[in-house]
Protein backbone atom coordinates (compact mmCIF):
# COMPACT_ATOMS: atom_id res chain seq x y z
CA MET A 1 0.00 0.00 0.00
CA MET A 2 2.83 2.34 0.88
CA GLU A 3 4.49 1.62 -2.47
CA VAL A 4 1.30 2.41 -4.40
CA LEU A 5 0.87 5.74 -2.63
CA GLU A 6 4.51 6.60 -3.24
CA ARG A 7 4.23 5.68 -6.94
CA VAL A 8 1.23 7.93 -7.53
CA GLU A 9 2.62 10.60 -5.21
CA SER A 10 -0.63 10.61 -3.26
CA SER A 11 -1.39 13.44 -0.86
CA TYR A 12 -2.42 10.78 1.68
CA LEU A 13 1.11 9.42 1.87
CA PRO A 14 2.33 11.47 4.90
CA ALA A 15 -0.80 10.65 6.91
CA PHE A 16 -0.59 6.98 5.96
CA ARG A 17 3.10 6.85 6.84
CA THR A 18 2.38 8.37 10.26
CA MET A 19 -0.48 5.94 10.85
CA LEU A 20 1.71 3.01 9.83
CA MET A 21 4.43 4.08 12.24
CA ASP A 22 1.86 4.39 15.02
CA VAL A 23 0.52 0.90 14.28
CA GLU A 24 4.02 -0.58 14.25
CA ALA A 25 4.82 1.14 17.55
CA ALA A 26 1.56 -0.07 19.08
CA LEU A 27 2.23 -3.61 17.85
CA SER A 28 5.73 -3.54 19.29
CA GLU A 29 4.34 -2.25 22.57
CA ALA A 30 1.62 -4.90 22.66
CA GLN A 31 4.14 -7.65 21.96
CA ASP A 32 6.44 -6.36 24.69
CA ILE A 33 3.60 -6.14 27.19
CA HIS A 34 2.29 -9.60 26.28
CA LEU A 35 5.76 -11.08 26.60
CA HIS A 36 6.39 -9.63 30.04
CA LEU A 37 2.91 -10.00 31.53
CA MET A 38 2.42 -13.61 30.47
CA PRO A 39 4.55 -14.94 33.38
CA LEU A 40 2.12 -13.23 35.75
CA ARG A 41 -0.79 -15.26 34.43
CA ARG A 42 0.22 -18.49 36.16
CA HIS A 43 0.72 -16.74 39.50
CA LEU A 44 -2.62 -14.96 39.30
CA GLU A 45 -4.43 -18.15 38.32
CA ASP A 46 -2.81 -19.93 41.27
CA ILE A 47 -4.17 -17.26 43.60
CA GLU A 48 -7.65 -17.64 42.10
CA ARG A 49 -7.58 -21.43 42.49
CA THR A 50 -6.10 -21.52 45.99
CA ASP A 51 -8.15 -21.21 49.16
CA PHE A 52 -7.46 -17.73 50.45
CA SER A 53 -6.22 -18.99 53.81
CA LYS A 54 -3.31 -20.65 51.96
CA VAL A 55 -2.47 -17.84 49.56
CA GLN A 56 0.26 -16.16 51.64
CA PRO A 57 3.21 -18.11 50.16
CA LEU A 58 2.11 -17.13 46.64
CA LEU A 59 2.38 -13.37 47.14
CA LEU A 60 6.14 -12.89 47.25
CA PRO A 61 6.74 -14.87 44.01
CA LEU A 62 4.01 -12.78 42.37
CA LEU A 63 5.72 -9.54 43.39
CA HIS A 64 9.04 -10.98 42.26
CA VAL A 65 7.63 -11.31 38.74
CA VAL A 66 6.23 -7.77 38.94
CA CYS A 67 9.73 -6.52 39.78
CA LEU A 68 11.19 -8.41 36.82
CA THR A 69 8.53 -6.88 34.58
CA TRP A 70 9.47 -3.41 35.80
CA VAL A 71 13.15 -4.01 35.10
CA THR A 72 12.93 -5.81 31.75
CA SER A 73 9.86 -4.38 30.04
CA LYS A 74 10.33 -1.20 28.06
CA HIS A 75 6.69 -0.19 28.39
CA TYR A 76 5.98 -1.34 31.98
CA SER A 77 8.89 0.47 33.57
CA GLN A 78 6.62 3.46 34.02
CA PRO A 79 4.99 4.35 37.37
CA ALA A 80 1.56 4.92 35.83
CA ARG A 81 1.42 1.41 34.40
CA ILE A 82 3.01 -0.51 37.27
CA VAL A 83 0.70 1.26 39.73
CA VAL A 84 -2.35 0.13 37.75
CA LEU A 85 -0.99 -3.42 37.65
CA LEU A 86 -0.47 -3.44 41.42
CA GLN A 87 -3.93 -1.96 41.95
CA GLU A 88 -5.45 -4.79 39.93
CA ILE A 89 -3.55 -7.32 42.02
CA CYS A 90 -4.99 -5.67 45.13
CA ASN A 91 -8.47 -5.89 43.62
CA LEU A 92 -7.95 -9.59 42.96
CA LEU A 93 -6.90 -10.17 46.57
CA ILE A 94 -9.94 -8.27 47.83
CA GLN A 95 -12.20 -10.30 45.54
CA GLN A 96 -10.74 -13.59 46.76
CA ALA A 97 -10.94 -12.44 50.38
CA LEU A 98 -14.64 -11.67 49.97
CA VAL A 99 -15.27 -15.14 48.56
CA TYR A 100 -13.44 -16.65 51.54
CA LEU A 101 -15.26 -14.55 54.15
CA SER A 102 -18.84 -14.71 52.82
CA PRO A 103 -19.72 -11.22 54.15
CA GLU A 104 -23.48 -11.82 54.26
CA ASP A 105 -23.00 -14.57 56.88
CA LEU A 106 -19.91 -13.23 58.62
CA LEU A 107 -21.80 -11.78 61.59
CA LYS A 108 -24.44 -14.50 61.69
CA GLY A 109 -22.30 -17.61 62.13
CA GLU A 110 -20.00 -18.77 64.90
CA MET A 111 -18.21 -15.71 66.28
CA GLU A 112 -14.94 -17.50 66.97
CA GLU A 113 -14.79 -18.98 63.48
CA SER A 114 -15.68 -15.66 61.86
CA LEU A 115 -13.07 -13.82 63.93
CA GLY A 116 -10.44 -16.36 62.94
CA LYS A 117 -11.24 -15.86 59.26
CA VAL A 118 -11.12 -12.07 59.53
CA GLN A 119 -7.78 -12.19 61.35
CA MET A 120 -6.43 -14.58 58.72
CA VAL A 121 -7.40 -12.20 55.91
CA LEU A 122 -5.94 -9.22 57.77
CA SER A 123 -2.68 -11.09 58.24
CA ILE A 124 -2.46 -12.03 54.56
CA LEU A 125 -3.31 -8.59 53.20
CA ASN A 126 -0.97 -6.81 55.59
CA GLY A 127 1.64 -9.38 54.65
CA PHE A 128 1.17 -8.42 51.01
CA LYS A 129 1.80 -4.78 51.86
CA GLU A 130 4.93 -5.74 53.78
CA ALA A 131 6.11 -7.86 50.85
CA PHE A 132 5.56 -4.88 48.54
CA GLU A 133 7.73 -2.65 50.75
CA ASP A 134 10.37 -5.37 50.93
CA ARG A 135 10.51 -5.67 47.12
CA ARG A 136 10.57 -1.90 46.77
CA GLU A 137 13.66 -1.72 48.98
CA GLU A 138 15.34 -4.60 47.15
CA LEU A 139 14.45 -3.40 43.66
CA HIS A 140 18.05 -2.41 42.90
CA THR A 141 19.08 -6.07 43.17
CA TYR A 142 17.11 -6.88 40.01
CA TYR A 143 19.35 -4.66 37.88
CA LYS A 144 22.66 -5.60 36.35
CA PRO A 145 25.70 -3.62 37.54
CA ASP A 146 25.84 -1.59 34.33
CA GLN A 147 22.11 -0.75 34.32
CA GLU A 148 20.56 2.44 35.59
CA VAL A 149 18.33 1.71 38.58
CA LYS A 150 14.78 3.04 38.41
CA GLU A 151 13.16 2.98 41.83
CA TRP A 152 9.48 2.79 42.67
CA ASP A 153 9.34 6.41 43.77
CA PHE A 154 5.55 6.63 43.73
CA HIS A 155 3.67 6.80 47.03
CA ALA A 156 2.27 3.53 48.37
CA THR A 157 -1.19 5.06 48.80
CA MET A 158 -1.48 5.18 45.01
CA VAL A 159 -1.37 1.39 45.05
CA PHE A 160 -3.19 0.60 48.28
CA ALA A 161 -5.96 3.21 48.48
CA ARG A 162 -8.78 0.69 48.03
CA LEU A 163 -6.98 -2.07 49.91
CA ASP A 164 -6.43 0.23 52.89
CA SER A 165 -10.13 1.09 52.97
CA PHE A 166 -10.94 -2.61 52.87
CA LEU A 167 -8.46 -3.30 55.69
CA LYS A 168 -10.02 -0.54 57.77
CA ARG A 169 -13.44 -2.13 57.36
CA LEU A 170 -12.01 -5.55 58.25
CA GLU A 171 -10.48 -4.10 61.41
CA LEU A 172 -13.88 -2.68 62.33
CA VAL A 173 -15.46 -6.12 61.90
CA GLU A 174 -12.59 -7.73 63.83
CA ASP A 175 -13.08 -5.33 66.73
CA LEU A 176 -16.81 -5.97 66.70
CA LEU A 177 -16.38 -9.76 66.78
CA ALA A 178 -13.66 -9.61 69.44
CA ASN A 179 -15.90 -7.48 71.66
CA ALA A 180 -18.79 -9.84 71.12
CA LEU A 181 -16.67 -12.88 72.02
CA ASP A 182 -15.45 -11.18 75.19
CA LEU A 183 -18.92 -10.18 76.31
CA MET A 184 -20.27 -13.67 75.69
CA LYS A 185 -18.27 -14.63 78.80
CA LEU A 186 -20.58 -12.55 80.97
CA GLU A 187 -23.05 -15.42 81.00
CA LYS A 188 -20.61 -17.61 82.96
CA ILE A 189 -19.66 -15.09 85.65
CA GLU A 190 -20.91 -15.92 89.13
CA PHE A 191 -20.06 -14.23 92.40
CA SER A 192 -19.81 -15.32 96.00
CA GLY A 193 -19.83 -13.21 99.13
CA PHE A 194 -22.47 -10.94 100.61
CA LYS A 195 -23.00 -9.01 97.38
CA GLY A 196 -22.74 -12.03 95.11
CA LYS A 197 -26.40 -12.31 94.15
CA ALA A 198 -26.85 -8.60 93.43
CA LEU A 199 -23.63 -8.37 91.42
CA GLY A 200 -24.52 -11.51 89.49
CA GLN A 201 -27.87 -10.02 88.51
CA GLN A 202 -26.17 -6.86 87.27
CA VAL A 203 -23.84 -8.90 85.05
CA LEU A 204 -26.76 -10.97 83.77
CA ASP A 205 -28.56 -7.75 82.80
CA MET A 206 -25.45 -6.58 80.95
CA HIS A 207 -25.28 -9.87 79.06
CA GLU A 208 -28.89 -9.51 77.95
CA GLU A 209 -28.25 -5.94 76.81
CA PHE A 210 -25.24 -7.12 74.83
CA GLN A 211 -27.23 -9.88 73.14
CA GLU A 212 -29.95 -7.42 72.21
CA ALA A 213 -27.39 -5.03 70.71
CA TYR A 214 -25.58 -7.75 68.76
CA LYS A 215 -28.82 -9.23 67.44
CA VAL A 216 -29.10 -6.25 65.10
CA PHE A 217 -26.31 -7.64 62.91
CA ALA A 218 -27.97 -11.05 62.65
CA GLU A 219 -31.20 -9.43 61.47
CA ARG A 220 -29.57 -7.25 58.82
CA THR A 221 -29.22 -8.46 55.25
CA TYR A 222 -26.47 -6.09 54.18
CA ASP A 223 -22.90 -6.87 53.18
CA CYS A 224 -20.82 -5.73 56.14
CA LEU A 225 -17.70 -5.49 53.94
CA ASP A 226 -19.30 -3.27 51.32
CA LEU A 227 -17.32 -0.05 51.61
CA THR A 228 -20.28 2.00 50.41
CA ASN A 229 -22.59 0.61 53.09
CA ALA A 230 -23.11 3.37 55.66
CA ASP A 231 -25.80 1.41 57.54
CA PHE A 232 -23.27 -1.08 58.85
CA GLU A 233 -20.96 1.68 60.05
CA GLN A 234 -23.82 3.26 61.99
CA ASP A 235 -24.84 -0.08 63.52
CA ALA A 236 -21.22 -0.78 64.46
CA PHE A 237 -20.92 2.66 66.07
CA ASP A 238 -24.10 2.11 68.10
CA PHE A 239 -22.85 -1.32 69.19
CA GLN A 240 -19.51 0.13 70.24
CA GLN A 241 -21.26 2.75 72.35
CA LYS A 242 -23.22 0.02 74.11
CA VAL A 243 -20.02 -2.02 74.65
CA GLU A 244 -18.25 0.96 76.22
CA ASP A 245 -21.20 1.48 78.56
CA ILE A 246 -21.13 -2.20 79.57
CA ASP A 247 -17.36 -2.02 80.10
CA ARG A 248 -17.73 0.92 82.47
CA ARG A 249 -20.42 -0.83 84.48
CA LEU A 250 -18.49 -4.10 84.47
CA GLY A 251 -15.43 -2.31 85.84
CA THR A 252 -17.53 -1.03 88.72
CA VAL A 253 -18.88 -4.53 89.37
CA PHE A 254 -15.35 -5.95 89.41
CA ILE A 255 -14.22 -3.43 92.01
CA GLN A 256 -17.22 -4.20 94.22
CA ALA A 257 -16.62 -7.95 93.89
CA PHE A 258 -12.91 -7.48 94.63
CA ASP A 259 -13.68 -5.52 97.78
CA ASP A 260 -16.21 -8.18 98.79
CA ALA A 261 -13.73 -11.08 98.41
CA SER A 262 -12.93 -12.57 101.79
CA ASP A 263 -9.37 -13.75 101.15
CA LEU A 264 -6.65 -14.29 98.55
CA GLU A 265 -8.16 -17.53 97.30
CA HIS A 266 -11.50 -15.92 96.49
CA THR A 267 -9.75 -12.90 95.00
CA PHE A 268 -7.79 -15.05 92.57
CA LYS A 269 -10.92 -16.98 91.66
CA LEU A 270 -12.46 -13.62 90.79
CA LEU A 271 -9.47 -12.72 88.61
CA GLU A 272 -9.59 -16.04 86.77
CA MET A 273 -13.34 -15.77 86.31
CA PHE A 274 -13.02 -12.36 84.65
CA GLY A 275 -10.05 -13.61 82.62
CA SER A 276 -9.45 -11.66 79.42
CA LEU A 277 -12.20 -9.18 80.33
CA LEU A 278 -9.64 -7.53 82.62
CA GLU A 279 -7.53 -6.74 79.55
CA ARG A 280 -10.25 -4.57 78.06
CA PRO A 281 -9.00 -0.96 78.33
CA VAL A 282 -11.91 0.52 80.29
CA ILE A 283 -12.06 -2.38 82.77
CA ALA A 284 -8.27 -2.56 83.02
CA ALA A 285 -8.13 1.12 83.99
CA ASP A 286 -10.64 0.51 86.80
CA ALA A 287 -8.94 -2.68 87.97
CA ALA A 288 -5.37 -1.35 87.89
CA GLY A 289 -5.63 0.19 91.35
CA LYS A 290 -6.65 -3.13 92.87
CA TYR A 291 -3.46 -4.99 92.04
CA SER A 292 -1.58 -3.12 94.77
CA ASP A 293 -4.29 -4.27 97.19
CA LEU A 294 -3.66 -7.82 96.03
CA ILE A 295 0.05 -7.49 96.81
CA HIS A 296 -0.84 -6.08 100.23
CA MET A 297 -3.12 -9.06 100.88
CA PHE A 298 -0.32 -11.46 100.02
CA SER A 299 2.08 -9.53 102.24
CA SER A 300 -0.42 -9.80 105.10
CA ALA A 301 -0.80 -13.53 104.47
CA LEU A 302 2.98 -13.96 104.69
CA SER A 303 3.04 -11.95 107.91
CA ASP A 304 0.32 -14.19 109.34
CA ALA A 305 2.30 -17.28 108.33
CA ARG A 306 5.44 -15.89 109.96
CA LEU A 307 3.45 -15.14 113.13
CA ILE A 308 2.05 -18.69 113.20
CA TYR A 309 5.56 -20.05 112.78
CA SER A 310 6.97 -17.86 115.57
CA ARG A 311 4.19 -18.85 117.97
CA HIS A 312 4.72 -22.51 117.20
CA VAL A 313 8.47 -22.32 117.83
CA ARG A 314 7.94 -20.30 121.03
CA ALA A 315 5.36 -22.77 122.31
CA GLU A 316 7.71 -25.67 121.68
CA LEU A 317 10.51 -23.94 123.59
CA GLU A 318 8.22 -23.14 126.52
CA LEU A 319 6.40 -26.49 126.69
CA GLY A 320 9.26 -28.73 125.63
CA SER A 321 7.17 -30.28 122.87
CA PRO A 322 5.44 -28.90 119.77
CA ALA A 323 1.82 -27.80 119.82
CA VAL A 324 -0.03 -30.27 117.60
CA HIS A 325 -3.54 -31.26 116.57
CA LYS A 326 -5.60 -32.97 119.23
CA ASN A 327 -4.98 -36.69 119.73
CA MET A 328 -1.87 -36.72 117.53
CA PRO A 329 1.59 -37.89 118.65
CA PRO A 330 4.19 -35.09 118.92
CA VAL A 331 6.38 -35.89 115.93
CA ALA A 332 3.58 -36.84 113.53
CA GLY A 333 1.58 -33.82 114.67
CA ALA A 334 4.53 -31.48 114.14
CA LEU A 335 5.11 -32.89 110.67
CA ARG A 336 1.47 -32.41 109.79
CA TRP A 337 1.54 -28.83 111.11
CA ALA A 338 4.62 -28.02 109.02
CA ARG A 339 3.08 -29.63 105.95
CA GLU A 340 -0.17 -27.68 106.30
CA LEU A 341 1.54 -24.31 106.80
CA ARG A 342 3.86 -24.95 103.87
CA ALA A 343 0.93 -25.95 101.64
CA ARG A 344 -0.93 -22.80 102.64
CA ILE A 345 1.96 -20.52 101.65
CA ARG A 346 2.69 -22.42 98.45
CA ALA A 347 -0.94 -22.25 97.38
CA GLN A 348 -1.04 -18.47 97.81
CA PHE A 349 2.31 -18.01 96.09
CA GLY A 350 1.23 -20.36 93.31
CA ASP A 351 -1.81 -18.19 92.63
CA PHE A 352 0.54 -15.32 91.83
CA ARG A 353 2.95 -17.41 89.77
CA HIS A 354 0.28 -19.03 87.63
CA SER A 355 -1.91 -15.99 87.17
CA SER A 356 -2.34 -15.09 83.50
CA HIS A 357 -2.63 -11.38 84.22
CA PRO A 358 0.55 -9.39 83.50
CA CYS A 359 -0.08 -6.94 86.33
CA VAL A 360 -0.12 -9.73 88.92
CA ALA A 361 3.54 -10.15 89.77
CA VAL A 362 5.15 -10.73 93.14
CA PRO A 363 7.59 -7.97 94.16
CA ALA A 364 11.12 -9.20 94.80
CA LYS A 365 10.94 -8.53 98.56
CA LEU A 366 7.79 -10.61 99.00
CA PHE A 367 9.28 -13.33 96.83
CA TYR A 368 12.31 -13.61 99.13
CA ASP A 369 10.11 -13.38 102.24
CA CYS A 370 8.11 -16.30 100.93
CA LEU A 371 11.26 -18.32 100.26
CA GLU A 372 12.57 -17.52 103.74
CA ILE A 373 9.42 -18.71 105.50
CA CYS A 374 9.25 -21.85 103.39
CA SER A 375 12.91 -22.55 104.18
CA LEU A 376 12.25 -22.25 107.91
CA ILE A 377 9.27 -24.58 107.66
CA ASN A 378 11.30 -27.02 105.57
CA LEU A 379 13.97 -26.97 108.29
CA ILE A 380 11.41 -27.94 110.92
CA PHE A 381 10.06 -30.57 108.55
CA PHE A 382 13.57 -31.96 108.12
CA LEU A 383 14.36 -31.97 111.85
CA TYR A 384 11.17 -33.74 112.86
CA ARG A 385 11.44 -36.24 110.03
CA THR A 386 15.05 -36.97 111.03
CA SER A 387 13.91 -37.39 114.62
CA SER A 388 11.14 -39.73 113.51
CA ASN A 389 13.55 -41.86 111.49
CA ALA A 390 15.96 -42.05 114.42
CA CYS A 391 13.20 -43.23 116.74
CA SER A 392 12.15 -45.87 114.25
CA GLN A 393 15.71 -47.19 114.00
CA ASN A 394 16.09 -47.33 117.81
CA MET A 395 12.85 -49.26 118.14
CA SER A 396 13.96 -51.75 115.54
């Protein structure tokens, strides 16, 4: 065609020549893009076929190929194009995450299972962002020594704008489910002591209020992960307000129950019963002041044990024989007394050691006081046991 136009000296020749050059350039560009994007196809198909919970190991190889495309492709070494490619990868991950989560049923099924799924997706998507930053920092390693390095100097928000919005919504759902799981424990809380019945009724009322507030999500038919859905955001806000109110009231109940506890044993039962509820910020702030009271109670218990020990030793010195339980022989009675006092101290100390709450820790001084008293009791235990063995040998 070009030859014909040249032969007749057509006026269309310049326009045709320009068009032909544009077509050749477009063809060359298309071939280059096809050549360099084809390796991505297998990785993207693997992500589509794989259950989303197992997709994490596939993300770094995918980004590795993206880096190679940036370095080797003439037409994809441009920020505008690589950003669009990364955005589409983000969209694919969001799409696969939605399939995995089933948003319509996310707040209607088992809370623990739903929370686990949400946390899994959050971990994978945040892992993808971390992998992106890692590849960005290591991009220079893809170039040969004699090549000019072109960094990804565009801002990450250009890539992750939609993904970040999706992550924010997931975090909202995660917080909602975590709160719901925590407040489900209210049903199992029971109190002893003079105020036990009244406090138990207050907690039962809170549990019913929580169930009523959470029931809203089960009745809704919306997609809680739809970023354009403002109804869910309003419902979540209302639920959070109710949760904060329950937390404040629950903190007050904890303080009243703590003050009503008769001894260390009942206090630690209260701590274990509340469990992870004490880690909730509002309740933790109310409960923080009570941990010093707990230390004081343990200190008093050690002082009582030391006093019991001193009285026992003094009585033995004055009477010439140890004070023992009624109708028990001296040595056996003394051994039983030592065993009971040691068990009492160990039980109280064990409550501190095995407590799951980070604030419950025995100060060094009390720790050494406890060891000292136990050592003294062990000494008595050893002396009486030695005496008992000696008597047995003499009799034989």
